[in-house]
């Protein structure tokens, strides 16, 4: 389902049966924020240099679900990744994290790909449950790009890396397929055409290290 963005496809693949990204100290939640940051980078809205981000372009009309994150980064000329991750992954209130997730979820609801539901002890939070055929469509699209002959897009490679680091690639692919996907992504990263994919992998690793060094994720 390549007409969806990396962040949208990641959410579809990662939510549990209640429609939430579950778990404290979860790589799943951290990789969601990483996906949003990377999407801004891939859209040339921001640059990431020496663990700092700067806004370099306007937010496209079809990426308005990233506006909460884009606006937050826009507050300063340069913002450290650790500052962004502290606000989105380590905050006790989780306000910014859920605001971003709700915007992405709402974009998928509008497309008819997920169903909004109330979750939480008080029913005051939102979950986003995709139909089985929606998940299957995203996974099969990823499978066709990564396991068949042909060029691998930066978006497919990024999604595969995010799912692998979130420990969810195994949920959709066999051990043999996972091995083949990792090898294809590695070969791509080592090629001139895979420069951005290599940067993406490095960014994800940097983000996970920053969060790990800062303490348990509060999302």
C-alpha atoms as a PDB file:
ATOM      1  CA  UNK A   1       0.000   0.000   0.000  1.00  0.00           C
ATOM      2  CA  UNK A   2       2.652   2.430  -1.153  1.00  0.00           C
ATOM      3  CA  UNK A   3       0.266   5.407  -1.384  1.00  0.00           C
ATOM      4  CA  UNK A   4       0.546   5.555   2.420  1.00  0.00           C
ATOM      5  CA  UNK A   5       3.511   7.110   4.190  1.00  0.00           C
ATOM      6  CA  UNK A   6       6.107   5.315   6.299  1.00  0.00           C
ATOM      7  CA  UNK A   7       4.519   6.608   9.518  1.00  0.00           C
ATOM      8  CA  UNK A   8       1.004   5.598   8.485  1.00  0.00           C
ATOM      9  CA  UNK A   9       2.092   2.103   7.426  1.00  0.00           C
ATOM     10  CA  UNK A  10       4.126   1.694  10.605  1.00  0.00           C
ATOM     11  CA  UNK A  11       1.079   2.484  12.770  1.00  0.00           C
ATOM     12  CA  UNK A  12      -1.067   0.013  10.818  1.00  0.00           C
ATOM     13  CA  UNK A  13       1.505  -2.740  11.378  1.00  0.00           C
ATOM     14  CA  UNK A  14       2.374  -1.967  14.991  1.00  0.00           C
ATOM     15  CA  UNK A  15      -0.894  -1.408  16.896  1.00  0.00           C
ATOM     16  CA  UNK A  16      -2.256  -4.252  19.010  1.00  0.00           C
ATOM     17  CA  UNK A  17      -5.786  -5.668  19.019  1.00  0.00           C
ATOM     18  CA  UNK A  18      -6.987  -2.675  21.073  1.00  0.00           C
ATOM     19  CA  UNK A  19      -5.592  -0.267  18.522  1.00  0.00           C
ATOM     20  CA  UNK A  20      -2.753   1.074  20.655  1.00  0.00           C
ATOM     21  CA  UNK A  21       1.030   0.983  20.568  1.00  0.00           C
ATOM     22  CA  UNK A  22       1.522  -0.964  23.746  1.00  0.00           C
ATOM     23  CA  UNK A  23       4.171  -1.214  26.392  1.00  0.00           C
ATOM     24  CA  UNK A  24       6.371   0.883  28.645  1.00  0.00           C
ATOM     25  CA  UNK A  25      10.024   1.138  27.605  1.00  0.00           C
ATOM     26  CA  UNK A  26       8.810  -0.097  24.241  1.00  0.00           C
ATOM     27  CA  UNK A  27      10.879   0.182  21.084  1.00  0.00           C
ATOM     28  CA  UNK A  28       7.514   0.193  19.303  1.00  0.00           C
ATOM     29  CA  UNK A  29       6.585   3.601  20.689  1.00  0.00           C
ATOM     30  CA  UNK A  30      10.072   5.043  20.211  1.00  0.00           C
ATOM     31  CA  UNK A  31      10.143   3.845  16.606  1.00  0.00           C
ATOM     32  CA  UNK A  32       6.786   5.536  16.000  1.00  0.00           C
ATOM     33  CA  UNK A  33       8.338   8.882  16.919  1.00  0.00           C
ATOM     34  CA  UNK A  34      11.415   7.939  14.884  1.00  0.00           C
ATOM     35  CA  UNK A  35       9.192   7.219  11.874  1.00  0.00           C
ATOM     36  CA  UNK A  36       7.617  10.678  12.111  1.00  0.00           C
ATOM     37  CA  UNK A  37      11.015  12.393  12.427  1.00  0.00           C
ATOM     38  CA  UNK A  38      12.378  10.397   9.498  1.00  0.00           C
ATOM     39  CA  UNK A  39       9.351  11.177   7.359  1.00  0.00           C
ATOM     40  CA  UNK A  40       9.958  14.889   7.890  1.00  0.00           C
ATOM     41  CA  UNK A  41      13.560  14.274   6.863  1.00  0.00           C
ATOM     42  CA  UNK A  42      12.566  12.290   3.762  1.00  0.00           C
ATOM     43  CA  UNK A  43      10.137  15.053   2.780  1.00  0.00           C
ATOM     44  CA  UNK A  44      12.987  17.579   3.165  1.00  0.00           C
ATOM     45  CA  UNK A  45      11.074  19.466   5.839  1.00  0.00           C
ATOM     46  CA  UNK A  46      13.986  19.143   8.273  1.00  0.00           C
ATOM     47  CA  UNK A  47      17.664  18.281   8.288  1.00  0.00           C
ATOM     48  CA  UNK A  48      19.352  16.227  10.992  1.00  0.00           C
ATOM     49  CA  UNK A  49      22.961  17.074  11.700  1.00  0.00           C
ATOM     50  CA  UNK A  50      25.110  16.134  14.695  1.00  0.00           C
ATOM     51  CA  UNK A  51      22.025  15.028  16.659  1.00  0.00           C
ATOM     52  CA  UNK A  52      20.303  18.357  15.996  1.00  0.00           C
ATOM     53  CA  UNK A  53      17.341  19.166  13.775  1.00  0.00           C
ATOM     54  CA  UNK A  54      16.495  22.289  11.812  1.00  0.00           C
ATOM     55  CA  UNK A  55      13.424  23.124   9.735  1.00  0.00           C
ATOM     56  CA  UNK A  56      14.371  23.641   6.086  1.00  0.00           C
ATOM     57  CA  UNK A  57      11.070  23.407   4.217  1.00  0.00           C
ATOM     58  CA  UNK A  58       7.320  23.755   4.562  1.00  0.00           C
ATOM     59  CA  UNK A  59       5.106  20.835   5.495  1.00  0.00           C
ATOM     60  CA  UNK A  60       3.373  19.339   2.432  1.00  0.00           C
ATOM     61  CA  UNK A  61      -0.421  19.431   2.348  1.00  0.00           C
ATOM     62  CA  UNK A  62      -0.641  15.629   2.415  1.00  0.00           C
ATOM     63  CA  UNK A  63       1.560  15.402   5.532  1.00  0.00           C
ATOM     64  CA  UNK A  64      -0.499  17.586   7.850  1.00  0.00           C
ATOM     65  CA  UNK A  65      -0.794  14.751  10.375  1.00  0.00           C
ATOM     66  CA  UNK A  66       2.866  15.495  11.200  1.00  0.00           C
ATOM     67  CA  UNK A  67       2.054  19.126  12.043  1.00  0.00           C
ATOM     68  CA  UNK A  68       2.300  18.717  15.853  1.00  0.00           C
ATOM     69  CA  UNK A  69       5.880  17.450  15.535  1.00  0.00           C
ATOM     70  CA  UNK A  70       6.770  19.907  12.759  1.00  0.00           C
ATOM     71  CA  UNK A  71       5.456  22.858  14.790  1.00  0.00           C
ATOM     72  CA  UNK A  72       7.356  21.725  17.879  1.00  0.00           C
ATOM     73  CA  UNK A  73      10.662  21.497  15.984  1.00  0.00           C
ATOM     74  CA  UNK A  74       9.929  24.874  14.382  1.00  0.00           C
ATOM     75  CA  UNK A  75      10.001  26.592  17.785  1.00  0.00           C
ATOM     76  CA  UNK A  76      13.795  26.939  17.615  1.00  0.00           C
ATOM     77  CA  UNK A  77      16.374  27.501  14.899  1.00  0.00           C
ATOM     78  CA  UNK A  78      18.018  24.259  15.965  1.00  0.00           C
ATOM     79  CA  UNK A  79      16.661  21.603  18.308  1.00  0.00           C
ATOM     80  CA  UNK A  80      18.533  18.670  19.764  1.00  0.00           C
ATOM     81  CA  UNK A  81      17.133  15.219  19.046  1.00  0.00           C
ATOM     82  CA  UNK A  82      17.355  14.549  22.768  1.00  0.00           C
ATOM     83  CA  UNK A  83      14.979  17.479  23.398  1.00  0.00           C
ATOM     84  CA  UNK A  84      12.439  16.126  20.887  1.00  0.00           C
ATOM     85  CA  UNK A  85      12.670  12.612  22.275  1.00  0.00           C
ATOM     86  CA  UNK A  86      12.434  13.870  25.837  1.00  0.00           C
ATOM     87  CA  UNK A  87       9.147  15.598  25.025  1.00  0.00           C
ATOM     88  CA  UNK A  88       7.716  12.732  22.969  1.00  0.00           C
ATOM     89  CA  UNK A  89       9.082   9.578  24.589  1.00  0.00           C
ATOM     90  CA  UNK A  90      10.023  10.452  28.163  1.00  0.00           C
ATOM     91  CA  UNK A  91       7.346  12.906  29.264  1.00  0.00           C
ATOM     92  CA  UNK A  92       5.221  11.917  32.232  1.00  0.00           C
ATOM     93  CA  UNK A  93       2.094  13.390  30.634  1.00  0.00           C
ATOM     94  CA  UNK A  94       2.588  11.820  27.152  1.00  0.00           C
ATOM     95  CA  UNK A  95       0.666  14.815  25.782  1.00  0.00           C
ATOM     96  CA  UNK A  96       2.773  15.472  22.678  1.00  0.00           C
ATOM     97  CA  UNK A  97       3.133  11.774  21.897  1.00  0.00           C
ATOM     98  CA  UNK A  98      -0.614  11.146  21.948  1.00  0.00           C
ATOM     99  CA  UNK A  99      -1.329  14.343  20.029  1.00  0.00           C
ATOM    100  CA  UNK A 100       0.946  13.115  17.210  1.00  0.00           C
ATOM    101  CA  UNK A 101      -0.487   9.593  17.302  1.00  0.00           C
ATOM    102  CA  UNK A 102      -4.049  10.937  17.213  1.00  0.00           C
ATOM    103  CA  UNK A 103      -3.258  13.048  14.139  1.00  0.00           C
ATOM    104  CA  UNK A 104      -1.774  10.059  12.308  1.00  0.00           C
ATOM    105  CA  UNK A 105      -4.665   7.874  13.450  1.00  0.00           C
ATOM    106  CA  UNK A 106      -7.233  10.457  12.317  1.00  0.00           C
ATOM    107  CA  UNK A 107      -5.631  10.572   8.862  1.00  0.00           C
ATOM    108  CA  UNK A 108      -6.102   6.805   8.588  1.00  0.00           C
ATOM    109  CA  UNK A 109      -9.686   6.998   9.884  1.00  0.00           C
ATOM    110  CA  UNK A 110     -10.448   9.591   7.198  1.00  0.00           C
ATOM    111  CA  UNK A 111      -9.154   7.163   4.566  1.00  0.00           C
ATOM    112  CA  UNK A 112     -11.341   4.378   5.961  1.00  0.00           C
ATOM    113  CA  UNK A 113      -8.337   2.200   6.823  1.00  0.00           C
ATOM    114  CA  UNK A 114      -8.697   2.074  10.610  1.00  0.00           C
ATOM    115  CA  UNK A 115     -11.531   2.348  13.092  1.00  0.00           C
ATOM    116  CA  UNK A 116     -11.296   4.724  16.029  1.00  0.00           C
ATOM    117  CA  UNK A 117     -12.154   3.299  19.443  1.00  0.00           C
ATOM    118  CA  UNK A 118     -12.007   4.440  23.064  1.00  0.00           C
ATOM    119  CA  UNK A 119      -9.283   2.883  25.194  1.00  0.00           C
ATOM    120  CA  UNK A 120      -7.708   3.408  28.617  1.00  0.00           C
ATOM    121  CA  UNK A 121      -9.094   2.827  32.090  1.00  0.00           C
ATOM    122  CA  UNK A 122     -11.384   5.829  31.795  1.00  0.00           C
ATOM    123  CA  UNK A 123     -12.010   5.479  28.084  1.00  0.00           C
ATOM    124  CA  UNK A 124     -10.462   8.904  27.569  1.00  0.00           C
ATOM    125  CA  UNK A 125      -7.831   7.853  25.032  1.00  0.00           C
ATOM    126  CA  UNK A 126      -8.141   6.810  21.410  1.00  0.00           C
ATOM    127  CA  UNK A 127      -7.107   3.583  19.745  1.00  0.00           C
ATOM    128  CA  UNK A 128      -6.946   2.901  16.022  1.00  0.00           C
ATOM    129  CA  UNK A 129      -7.792  -0.601  14.851  1.00  0.00           C
ATOM    130  CA  UNK A 130      -7.017  -1.509  11.230  1.00  0.00           C
ATOM    131  CA  UNK A 131      -9.077  -4.084   9.357  1.00  0.00           C
ATOM    132  CA  UNK A 132      -7.174  -7.352   8.730  1.00  0.00           C
ATOM    133  CA  UNK A 133      -7.202  -6.687   4.995  1.00  0.00           C
ATOM    134  CA  UNK A 134      -5.556  -3.285   5.581  1.00  0.00           C
ATOM    135  CA  UNK A 135      -2.681  -4.875   7.501  1.00  0.00           C
ATOM    136  CA  UNK A 136      -2.408  -7.617   4.896  1.00  0.00           C
ATOM    137  CA  UNK A 137      -2.240  -5.058   2.090  1.00  0.00           C
ATOM    138  CA  UNK A 138       0.596  -3.142   3.753  1.00  0.00           C
ATOM    139  CA  UNK A 139       2.558  -6.312   4.557  1.00  0.00           C
ATOM    140  CA  UNK A 140       2.107  -7.783   1.094  1.00  0.00           C
ATOM    141  CA  UNK A 141       3.211  -4.507  -0.460  1.00  0.00           C
ATOM    142  CA  UNK A 142       6.326  -4.583   1.690  1.00  0.00           C
ATOM    143  CA  UNK A 143       6.922  -8.228   0.859  1.00  0.00           C
ATOM    144  CA  UNK A 144       6.678  -7.626  -2.884  1.00  0.00           C
ATOM    145  CA  UNK A 145       9.228  -4.797  -2.722  1.00  0.00           C
ATOM    146  CA  UNK A 146      11.713  -6.518  -0.456  1.00  0.00           C
ATOM    147  CA  UNK A 147      11.495 -10.154  -1.514  1.00  0.00           C
ATOM    148  CA  UNK A 148      10.884  -9.921  -5.250  1.00  0.00           C
ATOM    149  CA  UNK A 149      13.139  -8.701  -8.031  1.00  0.00           C
ATOM    150  CA  UNK A 150      13.213  -4.987  -8.637  1.00  0.00           C
ATOM    151  CA  UNK A 151      14.242  -1.719  -7.033  1.00  0.00           C
ATOM    152  CA  UNK A 152      13.624  -1.249  -3.310  1.00  0.00           C
ATOM    153  CA  UNK A 153      12.176   2.140  -2.409  1.00  0.00           C
ATOM    154  CA  UNK A 154      13.566   4.204   0.460  1.00  0.00           C
ATOM    155  CA  UNK A 155      10.134   4.059   2.120  1.00  0.00           C
ATOM    156  CA  UNK A 156       9.997   0.243   2.056  1.00  0.00           C
ATOM    157  CA  UNK A 157      13.530  -0.040   3.398  1.00  0.00           C
ATOM    158  CA  UNK A 158      12.755   2.480   6.155  1.00  0.00           C
ATOM    159  CA  UNK A 159       9.593   0.612   7.175  1.00  0.00           C
ATOM    160  CA  UNK A 160      11.473  -2.689   7.293  1.00  0.00           C
ATOM    161  CA  UNK A 161      14.196  -1.163   9.481  1.00  0.00           C
ATOM    162  CA  UNK A 162      11.616   0.380  11.837  1.00  0.00           C
ATOM    163  CA  UNK A 163       9.670  -2.885  12.183  1.00  0.00           C
ATOM    164  CA  UNK A 164      12.891  -4.822  12.768  1.00  0.00           C
ATOM    165  CA  UNK A 165      14.095  -2.415  15.479  1.00  0.00           C
ATOM    166  CA  UNK A 166      10.610  -2.502  17.049  1.00  0.00           C
ATOM    167  CA  UNK A 167      10.927  -6.310  17.129  1.00  0.00           C
ATOM    168  CA  UNK A 168       7.839  -6.748  14.962  1.00  0.00           C
ATOM    169  CA  UNK A 169       9.284  -7.878  11.638  1.00  0.00           C
ATOM    170  CA  UNK A 170       9.006 -11.462  12.895  1.00  0.00           C
ATOM    171  CA  UNK A 171       5.270 -10.965  13.344  1.00  0.00           C
ATOM    172  CA  UNK A 172       4.793 -10.838   9.580  1.00  0.00           C
ATOM    173  CA  UNK A 173       7.780 -12.630   8.048  1.00  0.00           C
ATOM    174  CA  UNK A 174       9.381 -16.038   8.506  1.00  0.00           C
ATOM    175  CA  UNK A 175      12.961 -16.388   9.764  1.00  0.00           C
ATOM    176  CA  UNK A 176      14.114 -17.063   6.220  1.00  0.00           C
ATOM    177  CA  UNK A 177      12.269 -13.982   4.910  1.00  0.00           C
ATOM    178  CA  UNK A 178      13.630 -11.816   7.721  1.00  0.00           C
ATOM    179  CA  UNK A 179      17.168 -12.903   6.884  1.00  0.00           C
ATOM    180  CA  UNK A 180      16.648 -12.148   3.193  1.00  0.00           C
ATOM    181  CA  UNK A 181      15.077  -8.744   3.943  1.00  0.00           C
ATOM    182  CA  UNK A 182      17.936  -7.741   6.234  1.00  0.00           C
ATOM    183  CA  UNK A 183      20.483  -8.786   3.618  1.00  0.00           C
ATOM    184  CA  UNK A 184      18.749  -6.826   0.848  1.00  0.00           C
ATOM    185  CA  UNK A 185      18.536  -3.729   3.028  1.00  0.00           C
ATOM    186  CA  UNK A 186      22.216  -4.122   3.958  1.00  0.00           C
ATOM    187  CA  UNK A 187      23.228  -4.389   0.299  1.00  0.00           C
ATOM    188  CA  UNK A 188      21.126  -1.325  -0.496  1.00  0.00           C
ATOM    189  CA  UNK A 189      22.762   0.674   2.325  1.00  0.00           C
ATOM    190  CA  UNK A 190      26.205  -0.218   0.961  1.00  0.00           C
ATOM    191  CA  UNK A 191      25.335   1.080  -2.506  1.00  0.00           C
ATOM    192  CA  UNK A 192      25.492   4.699  -3.750  1.00  0.00           C
ATOM    193  CA  UNK A 193      21.704   4.622  -4.250  1.00  0.00           C
ATOM    194  CA  UNK A 194      21.187   3.642  -0.630  1.00  0.00           C
ATOM    195  CA  UNK A 195      22.805   6.678   0.986  1.00  0.00           C
ATOM    196  CA  UNK A 196      19.535   7.975   2.482  1.00  0.00           C
ATOM    197  CA  UNK A 197      18.556   4.491   3.681  1.00  0.00           C
ATOM    198  CA  UNK A 198      21.921   4.247   5.480  1.00  0.00           C
ATOM    199  CA  UNK A 199      21.259   7.639   7.050  1.00  0.00           C
ATOM    200  CA  UNK A 200      17.792   6.456   8.104  1.00  0.00           C
ATOM    201  CA  UNK A 201      19.232   3.338   9.779  1.00  0.00           C
ATOM    202  CA  UNK A 202      21.804   5.476  11.581  1.00  0.00           C
ATOM    203  CA  UNK A 203      19.137   7.956  12.707  1.00  0.00           C
ATOM    204  CA  UNK A 204      16.968   5.171  14.120  1.00  0.00           C
ATOM    205  CA  UNK A 205      19.918   3.729  16.020  1.00  0.00           C
ATOM    206  CA  UNK A 206      20.838   7.177  17.360  1.00  0.00           C
ATOM    207  CA  UNK A 207      17.262   7.787  18.510  1.00  0.00           C
ATOM    208  CA  UNK A 208      17.073   4.440  20.316  1.00  0.00           C
ATOM    209  CA  UNK A 209      20.440   5.058  22.005  1.00  0.00           C
ATOM    210  CA  UNK A 210      19.363   8.541  23.186  1.00  0.00           C
ATOM    211  CA  UNK A 211      16.129   7.198  24.675  1.00  0.00           C
ATOM    212  CA  UNK A 212      17.925   4.251  26.284  1.00  0.00           C
ATOM    213  CA  UNK A 213      20.500   6.550  27.836  1.00  0.00           C
ATOM    214  CA  UNK A 214      17.804   8.933  29.086  1.00  0.00           C
ATOM    215  CA  UNK A 215      15.748   6.342  30.915  1.00  0.00           C
ATOM    216  CA  UNK A 216      12.607   4.265  30.414  1.00  0.00           C
ATOM    217  CA  UNK A 217      10.083   5.414  27.851  1.00  0.00           C
ATOM    218  CA  UNK A 218       6.996   6.833  29.509  1.00  0.00           C
ATOM    219  CA  UNK A 219       4.688   6.350  26.567  1.00  0.00           C
END
